[in-house]
């Protein structure tokens, strides 16, 4: 068994400019997982930078609301929504609310730096 407490996961600014806490990643510790798991937050009025991953990604919105952009599609998302992001898709999420937008990110296979390409500079 492994229990990870979010408050004990270091927070950092990810390449897409979200505030991220990596929860599980078999690239960094010996875990029998085919995916990585992270917690992300976007502050009110902010957005992540346009980026793409070579891998499949899933977001589960745990708090707040925003607009998810995938390729040329966009849709409003709220707490409780799950978003499937196909590999290679250009994506970003924007927080148009007055509260933080918080979500879980699952990347399969597990995220590593070379799987991500940021397509714009500080937006």
Protein backbone atom coordinates (compact mmCIF):
# COMPACT_ATOMS: atom_id res chain seq x y z
CA UNK A 1 0.00 0.00 0.00
CA UNK A 2 1.09 3.54 -0.69
CA UNK A 3 -0.74 6.60 0.62
CA UNK A 4 0.26 9.96 -0.81
CA UNK A 5 -0.94 13.13 0.87
CA UNK A 6 -1.41 16.01 -1.54
CA UNK A 7 -0.12 18.54 1.01
CA UNK A 8 3.20 16.65 1.04
CA UNK A 9 3.65 16.80 -2.74
CA UNK A 10 5.85 19.75 -3.75
CA UNK A 11 4.10 22.38 -5.86
CA UNK A 12 5.82 23.78 -8.95
CA UNK A 13 4.93 25.68 -12.11
CA UNK A 14 4.53 23.23 -14.99
CA UNK A 15 5.61 23.92 -18.57
CA UNK A 16 2.04 24.91 -19.43
CA UNK A 17 2.06 27.38 -16.47
CA UNK A 18 -0.43 25.47 -14.31
CA UNK A 19 0.43 25.03 -10.63
CA UNK A 20 1.16 21.31 -10.38
CA UNK A 21 1.71 18.70 -7.69
CA UNK A 22 2.88 15.35 -8.98
CA UNK A 23 1.19 12.61 -6.96
CA UNK A 24 2.33 9.37 -8.61
CA UNK A 25 4.85 8.83 -11.39
CA UNK A 26 6.58 5.48 -11.97
CA UNK A 27 9.41 7.38 -13.73
CA UNK A 28 10.38 8.82 -10.33
CA UNK A 29 9.72 5.94 -7.95
CA UNK A 30 9.30 2.19 -8.22
CA UNK A 31 5.59 1.75 -8.84
CA UNK A 32 3.87 -0.79 -11.05
CA UNK A 33 1.84 1.81 -12.96
CA UNK A 34 1.32 2.55 -16.64
CA UNK A 35 0.22 6.13 -15.92
CA UNK A 36 1.11 9.20 -13.89
CA UNK A 37 -1.24 11.16 -11.65
CA UNK A 38 -1.03 14.86 -10.78
CA UNK A 39 -3.09 17.64 -9.24
CA UNK A 40 -3.23 20.92 -11.17
CA UNK A 41 -4.60 24.36 -10.40
CA UNK A 42 -5.26 27.38 -12.61
CA UNK A 43 -5.85 30.68 -10.82
CA UNK A 44 -8.92 32.85 -11.57
CA UNK A 45 -8.71 34.65 -14.91
CA UNK A 46 -5.66 32.61 -16.03
CA UNK A 47 -5.13 29.85 -18.59
CA UNK A 48 -2.57 27.21 -19.33
CA UNK A 49 -0.33 27.62 -22.35
CA UNK A 50 -1.23 25.81 -25.56
CA UNK A 51 0.60 22.49 -25.51
CA UNK A 52 0.39 18.92 -26.69
CA UNK A 53 1.36 15.57 -25.27
CA UNK A 54 2.40 12.51 -27.24
CA UNK A 55 0.35 10.48 -24.76
CA UNK A 56 -3.29 10.14 -23.74
CA UNK A 57 -4.39 12.51 -21.00
CA UNK A 58 -7.52 12.68 -18.85
CA UNK A 59 -8.60 15.60 -16.66
CA UNK A 60 -11.11 15.25 -13.83
CA UNK A 61 -12.35 18.63 -12.62
CA UNK A 62 -12.59 18.67 -8.82
CA UNK A 63 -13.29 22.36 -8.22
CA UNK A 64 -14.24 25.41 -10.26
CA UNK A 65 -15.20 25.91 -13.87
CA UNK A 66 -13.53 26.85 -17.09
CA UNK A 67 -13.30 26.29 -20.82
CA UNK A 68 -11.38 23.31 -22.20
CA UNK A 69 -9.84 23.77 -25.64
CA UNK A 70 -8.80 20.69 -27.62
CA UNK A 71 -7.68 21.31 -31.20
CA UNK A 72 -10.44 23.50 -32.68
CA UNK A 73 -13.09 22.40 -30.17
CA UNK A 74 -13.97 24.11 -26.90
CA UNK A 75 -16.45 23.34 -24.16
CA UNK A 76 -17.33 24.69 -20.73
CA UNK A 77 -16.32 22.34 -17.93
CA UNK A 78 -17.33 22.21 -14.27
CA UNK A 79 -16.55 20.27 -11.11
CA UNK A 80 -17.40 16.61 -11.68
CA UNK A 81 -16.59 16.65 -15.42
CA UNK A 82 -14.06 14.28 -17.01
CA UNK A 83 -12.22 15.27 -20.20
CA UNK A 84 -10.46 12.79 -22.49
CA UNK A 85 -7.60 14.38 -24.45
CA UNK A 86 -6.35 12.23 -27.36
CA UNK A 87 -2.58 11.92 -27.92
CA UNK A 88 -1.11 14.73 -30.02
CA UNK A 89 -4.02 17.13 -29.44
CA UNK A 90 -3.33 20.84 -29.04
CA UNK A 91 -4.87 21.74 -25.69
CA UNK A 92 -5.25 24.35 -23.00
CA UNK A 93 -7.74 25.16 -20.28
CA UNK A 94 -8.85 28.60 -19.16
CA UNK A 95 -10.38 29.64 -15.87
CA UNK A 96 -12.98 32.35 -16.45
CA UNK A 97 -14.33 32.23 -12.90
CA UNK A 98 -13.46 34.06 -9.67
CA UNK A 99 -12.32 30.83 -7.96
CA UNK A 100 -9.45 28.45 -8.56
CA UNK A 101 -9.92 25.73 -11.19
CA UNK A 102 -8.57 22.48 -9.75
CA UNK A 103 -8.28 19.15 -11.53
CA UNK A 104 -6.60 15.77 -11.55
CA UNK A 105 -4.44 14.87 -14.56
CA UNK A 106 -3.85 11.28 -15.61
CA UNK A 107 -1.28 10.66 -18.35
CA UNK A 108 -0.86 7.22 -19.93
CA UNK A 109 1.83 6.08 -20.38
CA UNK A 110 3.37 7.99 -17.50
CA UNK A 111 4.31 11.62 -18.17
CA UNK A 112 7.94 12.49 -18.82
CA UNK A 113 9.37 15.78 -20.11
CA UNK A 114 10.03 14.59 -23.66
CA UNK A 115 6.34 13.70 -24.17
CA UNK A 116 5.22 17.35 -23.89
CA UNK A 117 5.61 20.26 -26.29
CA UNK A 118 4.63 23.78 -25.18
CA UNK A 119 3.44 25.70 -28.25
CA UNK A 120 3.49 29.27 -26.95
CA UNK A 121 5.47 31.40 -24.58
CA UNK A 122 3.97 33.02 -21.48
CA UNK A 123 0.40 33.70 -22.57
